[in-house]
N, C-alpha and C. Protein backbone atom coordinates (compact mmCIF):
# COMPACT_ATOMS: atom_id res chain seq x y z
N UNK A 1 -14.85 -16.23 -32.42
CA UNK A 1 -14.78 -15.46 -31.21
C UNK A 1 -15.08 -15.84 -30.07
N UNK A 2 -14.35 -16.07 -29.10
CA UNK A 2 -14.81 -16.35 -27.76
C UNK A 2 -15.43 -15.48 -26.79
N UNK A 3 -16.51 -15.73 -26.08
CA UNK A 3 -17.41 -15.27 -25.49
C UNK A 3 -16.86 -14.93 -23.82
N UNK A 4 -16.34 -13.51 -23.72
CA UNK A 4 -15.37 -13.69 -22.40
C UNK A 4 -16.51 -13.59 -20.81
N UNK A 5 -16.87 -14.58 -20.43
CA UNK A 5 -18.38 -14.68 -19.01
C UNK A 5 -17.77 -13.38 -18.29
N UNK A 6 -18.86 -13.19 -17.65
CA UNK A 6 -18.44 -12.37 -16.73
C UNK A 6 -17.79 -12.22 -15.19
N UNK A 7 -17.13 -13.89 -15.21
CA UNK A 7 -16.41 -13.79 -13.94
C UNK A 7 -15.00 -13.91 -14.63
N UNK A 8 -14.55 -14.16 -15.90
CA UNK A 8 -13.10 -14.11 -16.92
C UNK A 8 -13.02 -12.55 -16.70
N UNK A 9 -14.28 -11.89 -17.03
CA UNK A 9 -13.99 -10.49 -16.75
C UNK A 9 -13.40 -10.07 -15.61
N UNK A 10 -13.72 -10.45 -14.99
CA UNK A 10 -13.86 -9.78 -13.61
C UNK A 10 -12.46 -10.46 -12.94
N UNK A 11 -12.12 -11.14 -13.26
CA UNK A 11 -10.65 -11.68 -12.82
C UNK A 11 -9.60 -11.45 -14.16
N UNK A 12 -9.98 -10.43 -14.90
CA UNK A 12 -9.21 -9.94 -15.75
C UNK A 12 -8.01 -9.40 -15.06
N UNK A 13 -6.93 -8.86 -15.13
CA UNK A 13 -5.43 -8.67 -14.47
C UNK A 13 -6.17 -6.81 -14.77
N UNK A 14 -6.02 -6.77 -16.06
CA UNK A 14 -6.74 -5.30 -16.31
C UNK A 14 -7.21 -4.94 -15.85
N UNK A 15 -8.93 -5.41 -15.39
CA UNK A 15 -9.90 -4.73 -15.22
C UNK A 15 -10.02 -4.67 -13.63
N UNK A 16 -9.04 -5.26 -12.62
CA UNK A 16 -8.83 -5.77 -11.57
C UNK A 16 -7.75 -4.14 -11.01
N UNK A 17 -6.52 -3.86 -12.51
CA UNK A 17 -5.84 -2.84 -12.07
C UNK A 17 -6.80 -1.26 -12.04
N UNK A 18 -7.39 -1.88 -13.35
CA UNK A 18 -8.58 -0.69 -13.62
C UNK A 18 -8.81 -0.16 -11.96
N UNK A 19 -9.67 -1.14 -11.20
CA UNK A 19 -10.63 -0.78 -10.72
C UNK A 19 -9.75 -0.62 -9.13
N UNK A 20 -8.56 -0.59 -8.88
CA UNK A 20 -7.58 0.08 -8.34
C UNK A 20 -7.39 1.28 -8.61
N UNK A 21 -7.17 1.69 -9.71
CA UNK A 21 -7.00 3.12 -10.14
C UNK A 21 -8.42 3.65 -10.02
N UNK A 22 -9.59 3.00 -10.11
CA UNK A 22 -10.78 3.84 -9.73
C UNK A 22 -10.96 4.19 -8.49
N UNK A 23 -10.74 3.17 -7.25
CA UNK A 23 -10.69 3.67 -6.08
C UNK A 23 -9.49 4.51 -5.60
N UNK A 24 -8.58 4.84 -6.36
CA UNK A 24 -7.42 5.66 -5.88
C UNK A 24 -8.33 6.93 -6.67
N UNK A 25 -8.84 6.91 -7.29
CA UNK A 25 -9.74 8.40 -8.11
C UNK A 25 -10.78 8.50 -7.58
N UNK A 26 -11.21 7.67 -6.79
CA UNK A 26 -12.72 7.85 -5.81
C UNK A 26 -11.47 8.79 -4.48
N UNK A 27 -10.65 8.14 -4.05
CA UNK A 27 -10.52 8.32 -2.69
C UNK A 27 -9.67 10.30 -3.21
N UNK A 28 -9.06 10.56 -4.41
CA UNK A 28 -8.86 11.66 -4.80
C UNK A 28 -10.37 12.73 -4.66
N UNK A 29 -10.86 11.98 -5.41
CA UNK A 29 -12.24 13.21 -5.33
C UNK A 29 -12.56 13.32 -3.95
N UNK A 30 -13.02 12.08 -3.40
CA UNK A 30 -13.41 12.81 -1.94
C UNK A 30 -12.59 13.40 -1.03
N UNK A 31 -10.90 13.61 -1.33
CA UNK A 31 -10.34 14.72 -0.94
C UNK A 31 -11.01 15.70 -1.15
N UNK A 32 -10.90 16.08 -1.99
CA UNK A 32 -11.01 17.17 -2.77
C UNK A 32 -12.18 18.08 -2.69
N UNK A 33 -13.59 17.25 -2.94
CA UNK A 33 -14.31 17.77 -2.31
C UNK A 33 -14.95 17.91 -0.61
N UNK A 34 -14.55 17.23 0.11
CA UNK A 34 -14.49 17.49 1.32
C UNK A 34 -13.56 18.43 2.07
N UNK A 35 -12.09 18.13 1.65
CA UNK A 35 -10.77 19.04 2.36
C UNK A 35 -10.26 17.98 3.21
N UNK A 36 -10.53 17.01 3.14
CA UNK A 36 -9.74 16.11 4.30
C UNK A 36 -8.41 16.19 3.72
N UNK A 37 -7.46 16.24 5.33
CA UNK A 37 -6.10 16.55 5.45
C UNK A 37 -5.64 15.01 5.26
N UNK A 38 -6.14 14.42 4.14
CA UNK A 38 -5.28 12.82 4.00
C UNK A 38 -5.22 12.63 2.53
N UNK A 39 -3.90 12.44 2.13
CA UNK A 39 -3.65 11.85 0.44
C UNK A 39 -4.94 11.29 -0.17
N UNK A 40 -5.00 11.44 -1.14
CA UNK A 40 -6.29 10.58 -1.47
C UNK A 40 -6.39 9.15 -2.04
N UNK A 41 -4.80 9.10 -1.89
CA UNK A 41 -4.79 7.09 -2.47
C UNK A 41 -5.18 6.83 -1.02
N UNK A 42 -4.78 7.36 0.45
CA UNK A 42 -5.09 6.76 1.57
C UNK A 42 -6.20 6.28 1.62
N UNK A 43 -7.20 7.34 1.21
CA UNK A 43 -8.66 7.54 1.36
C UNK A 43 -9.36 6.35 0.60
N UNK A 44 -8.68 6.21 -0.54
CA UNK A 44 -8.81 5.03 -1.23
C UNK A 44 -8.42 3.75 -1.15
N UNK A 45 -8.05 3.44 -0.59
CA UNK A 45 -7.42 2.39 0.46
C UNK A 45 -8.13 2.32 0.90
N UNK A 46 -8.95 3.25 1.99
CA UNK A 46 -9.93 2.94 2.89
C UNK A 46 -11.02 2.39 2.32
N UNK A 47 -11.41 3.45 1.02
CA UNK A 47 -12.86 2.72 0.69
C UNK A 47 -12.30 1.93 0.02
N UNK A 48 -11.40 1.10 -0.45
CA UNK A 48 -10.86 -0.31 -1.32
C UNK A 48 -11.46 -1.29 0.42
N UNK A 49 -10.94 -0.88 1.56
CA UNK A 49 -11.12 -1.88 2.44
C UNK A 49 -12.40 -1.87 2.95
N UNK A 50 -13.43 -0.85 3.05
CA UNK A 50 -14.60 -0.66 3.70
C UNK A 50 -15.59 -2.02 2.32
N UNK A 51 -14.88 -1.65 0.98
CA UNK A 51 -15.56 -2.88 0.02
C UNK A 51 -15.16 -3.78 0.35
N UNK A 52 -14.11 -4.77 0.47
CA UNK A 52 -13.62 -5.54 0.51
C UNK A 52 -14.43 -6.34 2.44
N UNK A 53 -14.40 -5.60 3.30
CA UNK A 53 -14.71 -5.80 4.46
C UNK A 53 -16.19 -6.04 4.38
N UNK A 54 -16.75 -5.30 3.95
CA UNK A 54 -18.71 -5.44 4.05
C UNK A 54 -19.15 -5.95 2.55
N UNK A 55 -17.89 -7.21 2.03
CA UNK A 55 -18.08 -7.54 0.95
C UNK A 55 -18.92 -7.37 -0.48
N UNK A 56 -18.87 -6.20 -0.97
CA UNK A 56 -18.86 -5.56 -1.83
C UNK A 56 -18.18 -5.69 -3.12
N UNK A 57 -16.70 -6.14 -2.61
CA UNK A 57 -16.26 -7.00 -3.54
C UNK A 57 -15.30 -7.55 -2.79
N UNK A 58 -15.25 -9.03 -3.54
CA UNK A 58 -14.64 -10.23 -3.20
C UNK A 58 -13.16 -9.97 -3.45
N UNK A 59 -12.19 -10.68 -2.83
CA UNK A 59 -10.54 -10.62 -2.61
C UNK A 59 -10.24 -11.42 -4.35
N UNK A 60 -11.17 -11.79 -4.80
CA UNK A 60 -10.29 -12.54 -5.79
C UNK A 60 -10.54 -11.65 -7.02
N UNK A 61 -11.84 -10.74 -6.78
CA UNK A 61 -11.89 -9.74 -8.17
C UNK A 61 -10.57 -8.33 -7.89
N UNK A 62 -9.93 -8.47 -6.80
CA UNK A 62 -8.57 -7.40 -6.67
C UNK A 62 -7.29 -8.22 -6.92
N UNK A 63 -6.94 -9.30 -6.73
CA UNK A 63 -5.84 -10.54 -6.45
C UNK A 63 -5.20 -10.12 -7.47
N UNK A 64 -5.19 -10.19 -8.58
CA UNK A 64 -4.48 -9.85 -9.78
C UNK A 64 -4.32 -8.82 -9.87
N UNK A 65 -4.67 -7.98 -9.89
CA UNK A 65 -4.24 -6.26 -10.53
C UNK A 65 -3.52 -6.02 -9.26
N UNK A 66 -3.60 -6.74 -7.39
CA UNK A 66 -2.59 -6.05 -6.49
C UNK A 66 -1.70 -6.73 -6.39
N UNK A 67 -1.07 -7.78 -7.14
CA UNK A 67 -0.47 -8.45 -7.22
C UNK A 67 0.79 -7.55 -8.39
N UNK A 68 0.06 -7.47 -9.28
CA UNK A 68 0.99 -6.32 -10.77
C UNK A 68 1.24 -5.28 -10.13
N UNK A 69 0.92 -4.64 -9.34
CA UNK A 69 1.23 -3.24 -8.78
C UNK A 69 2.61 -3.73 -7.66
N UNK A 70 2.20 -5.09 -6.69
CA UNK A 70 3.17 -5.01 -5.98
C UNK A 70 4.83 -5.52 -6.99
N UNK A 71 4.41 -6.38 -7.64
CA UNK A 71 5.64 -7.14 -8.39
C UNK A 71 6.19 -6.03 -9.23
N UNK A 72 5.49 -4.95 -9.72
CA UNK A 72 6.34 -3.66 -10.26
C UNK A 72 6.19 -2.61 -9.26
N UNK A 73 6.80 -2.60 -8.34
CA UNK A 73 6.96 -1.53 -7.16
C UNK A 73 7.80 -0.57 -7.95
N UNK A 74 8.57 -1.19 -7.84
CA UNK A 74 10.36 -0.70 -8.27
C UNK A 74 9.69 0.55 -8.96
N UNK A 75 9.04 0.34 -10.20
CA UNK A 75 8.75 1.85 -11.30
C UNK A 75 8.27 2.57 -10.48
N UNK A 76 7.81 2.47 -9.52
CA UNK A 76 6.94 3.59 -8.74
C UNK A 76 8.04 4.39 -7.78
N UNK A 77 9.26 4.09 -7.65
CA UNK A 77 10.43 4.75 -6.85
C UNK A 77 11.23 5.70 -7.73
N UNK A 78 10.42 5.29 -9.18
CA UNK A 78 11.54 6.40 -10.12
C UNK A 78 11.86 7.60 -9.99
N UNK A 79 10.12 8.12 -10.03
CA UNK A 79 10.03 9.18 -9.80
C UNK A 79 10.48 9.81 -8.61
N UNK A 80 10.39 9.43 -7.60
CA UNK A 80 11.45 9.69 -6.17
C UNK A 80 12.78 10.05 -6.28
N UNK A 81 13.57 8.78 -6.86
CA UNK A 81 14.91 8.75 -7.47
C UNK A 81 15.42 10.39 -8.04
N UNK A 82 14.58 10.10 -9.16
CA UNK A 82 14.95 11.50 -10.01
C UNK A 82 14.36 12.71 -9.35
N UNK A 83 13.77 13.44 -8.13
CA UNK A 83 13.78 14.33 -7.74
C UNK A 83 14.73 14.17 -6.68
N UNK A 84 15.12 13.22 -6.28
CA UNK A 84 16.47 13.42 -5.26
C UNK A 84 17.78 13.88 -6.17
N UNK A 85 17.50 13.47 -7.57
CA UNK A 85 19.02 13.83 -8.28
C UNK A 85 19.11 15.54 -8.65
N UNK A 86 17.65 16.37 -8.25
CA UNK A 86 17.20 17.81 -8.59
C UNK A 86 17.87 18.31 -7.16
N UNK A 87 18.44 17.71 -6.47
CA UNK A 87 18.76 18.38 -5.01
C UNK A 87 20.21 18.06 -4.65
N UNK A 88 21.16 18.10 -5.31
CA UNK A 88 22.66 18.03 -5.21
C UNK A 88 22.63 17.93 -3.71
N UNK A 89 21.67 18.79 -2.89
CA UNK A 89 22.62 18.63 -1.55
C UNK A 89 22.46 17.82 -0.86
N UNK A 90 21.50 16.52 -1.33
CA UNK A 90 21.33 15.86 -0.48
C UNK A 90 22.40 14.78 -0.69
N UNK A 91 23.31 15.04 -1.52
CA UNK A 91 24.64 13.98 -1.58
C UNK A 91 25.97 14.49 -0.04
N UNK A 92 25.28 15.27 0.04
CA UNK A 92 26.47 15.96 1.35
C UNK A 92 25.99 15.38 2.41
N UNK A 93 26.75 16.24 3.32
CA UNK A 93 26.36 16.36 4.62
C UNK A 93 24.47 16.10 4.67
N UNK A 94 24.15 16.67 4.33
CA UNK A 94 22.48 16.90 4.68
C UNK A 94 21.79 15.33 4.35
N UNK A 95 22.74 14.65 3.47
CA UNK A 95 21.89 13.42 2.81
C UNK A 95 22.51 12.33 3.60
N UNK A 96 23.41 12.88 4.42
CA UNK A 96 24.56 11.14 5.48
C UNK A 96 22.86 11.40 6.71
N UNK A 97 22.74 12.60 6.98
CA UNK A 97 21.96 12.95 7.75
C UNK A 97 20.45 12.32 7.75
N UNK A 98 19.87 12.50 6.63
CA UNK A 98 18.93 12.18 6.30
C UNK A 98 18.96 10.74 6.57
N UNK A 99 19.82 9.87 5.69
CA UNK A 99 19.94 8.73 5.65
C UNK A 99 20.11 8.06 7.39
N UNK A 100 20.80 8.68 8.19
CA UNK A 100 20.99 8.18 9.63
C UNK A 100 19.84 7.99 9.64
N UNK A 101 18.58 9.19 9.87
CA UNK A 101 17.38 9.09 10.15
C UNK A 101 16.61 8.21 9.99
N UNK A 102 16.82 7.63 8.65
CA UNK A 102 15.79 6.51 7.85
C UNK A 102 16.28 5.04 8.15
N UNK A 103 17.63 5.08 8.54
CA UNK A 103 18.32 3.89 9.06
C UNK A 103 17.62 3.69 10.12
N UNK A 104 17.92 4.51 11.61
CA UNK A 104 17.66 4.45 12.77
C UNK A 104 16.08 4.13 12.70
N UNK A 105 15.27 4.97 12.16
CA UNK A 105 14.06 4.87 12.14
C UNK A 105 13.62 3.74 11.76
N UNK A 106 13.86 2.92 10.39
CA UNK A 106 13.76 1.66 10.17
C UNK A 106 14.17 0.70 11.25
N UNK A 107 15.22 0.80 11.91
CA UNK A 107 15.68 -0.65 12.58
C UNK A 107 15.13 -0.13 14.60
N UNK A 108 14.65 0.98 14.67
CA UNK A 108 13.31 0.78 15.65
C UNK A 108 11.84 0.41 15.30
N UNK A 109 11.48 1.00 14.12
CA UNK A 109 10.21 0.09 13.76
C UNK A 109 10.30 -1.69 13.61
N UNK A 110 11.76 -1.75 13.24
CA UNK A 110 12.18 -3.41 13.31
C UNK A 110 11.66 -3.54 14.40
N UNK A 111 12.40 -3.37 15.40
CA UNK A 111 12.77 -3.86 16.74
C UNK A 111 11.49 -4.06 17.34
N UNK A 112 11.09 -2.33 17.72
CA UNK A 112 9.99 -2.37 18.24
C UNK A 112 9.15 -3.24 17.74
N UNK A 113 8.26 -3.92 16.16
CA UNK A 113 7.42 -4.64 15.52
C UNK A 113 7.90 -5.68 16.48
N UNK A 114 9.28 -6.36 16.45
CA UNK A 114 9.60 -7.65 16.78
C UNK A 114 9.40 -8.28 17.91
N UNK A 115 9.28 -6.98 19.36
CA UNK A 115 9.01 -7.21 20.37
C UNK A 115 7.79 -7.45 20.76
N UNK A 116 6.63 -6.45 19.98
CA UNK A 116 5.19 -6.30 20.56
C UNK A 116 4.77 -7.94 20.07
N UNK A 117 5.73 -8.83 18.25
CA UNK A 117 4.81 -10.11 17.84
C UNK A 117 5.12 -10.93 19.08
N UNK A 118 6.37 -10.52 19.66
CA UNK A 118 7.50 -12.02 20.64
C UNK A 118 6.25 -11.73 21.64
N UNK A 119 5.82 -10.76 22.39
CA UNK A 119 5.03 -10.68 23.16
C UNK A 119 3.54 -10.82 23.06
N UNK A 120 3.52 -11.11 21.89
CA UNK A 120 1.58 -11.70 22.08
C UNK A 120 1.82 -12.83 21.49
N UNK A 121 2.88 -13.27 20.60
CA UNK A 121 2.84 -14.82 21.02
C UNK A 121 3.02 -15.67 22.17
N UNK A 122 3.78 -15.18 23.27
CA UNK A 122 3.65 -15.46 24.15
C UNK A 122 2.44 -15.32 24.73
N UNK A 123 1.93 -14.61 24.91
CA UNK A 123 -0.08 -14.16 25.62
C UNK A 123 -0.67 -15.23 25.13
N UNK A 124 -0.29 -15.65 24.16
CA UNK A 124 -1.27 -16.46 23.19
C UNK A 124 -1.37 -17.50 23.31
N UNK A 125 0.12 -18.14 23.70
CA UNK A 125 0.77 -19.64 23.53
C UNK A 125 0.43 -19.53 25.65
N UNK A 126 0.64 -18.35 26.46
CA UNK A 126 0.04 -18.61 27.73
C UNK A 126 -1.31 -19.16 28.17
N UNK A 127 -2.00 -18.39 26.77
CA UNK A 127 -3.29 -18.51 26.90
C UNK A 127 -4.00 -19.68 26.60
N UNK A 128 -3.32 -20.18 25.30
CA UNK A 128 -4.06 -21.52 25.21
C UNK A 128 -3.44 -22.89 26.00
N UNK A 129 -1.96 -22.68 26.60
CA UNK A 129 -1.33 -23.82 27.48
C UNK A 129 -2.40 -23.72 29.26
N UNK A 130 -3.11 -22.96 28.82
CA UNK A 130 -3.44 -22.45 30.38
C UNK A 130 -5.35 -22.92 30.68
């Protein structure tokens, strides 16, 4: 029987997934206790970011778990799709309006982001050449 070292245990995908879920649950608990008007997942993500920024958790201790969550992200949309199926009014004119707002909003965000990135790159290039 092989002995799992502390390092192997810390880099195990299931342990990392459990750490991320634990951060989410801690965020939920903080929101419930404090009454903050934010989702618990956001608070848990901020808590994780704080732990990463202060060096309490190494990036490698969460990388494989986070990659798994990103790879399986499509599964997290299933409940949302099922919720939409419970509202048939979204398949009519109202749904077309919501879809138009989503598409226009996405295009606006993409355009503004590209303009800002372009401006920052130009400023960075000008400072580097000056």
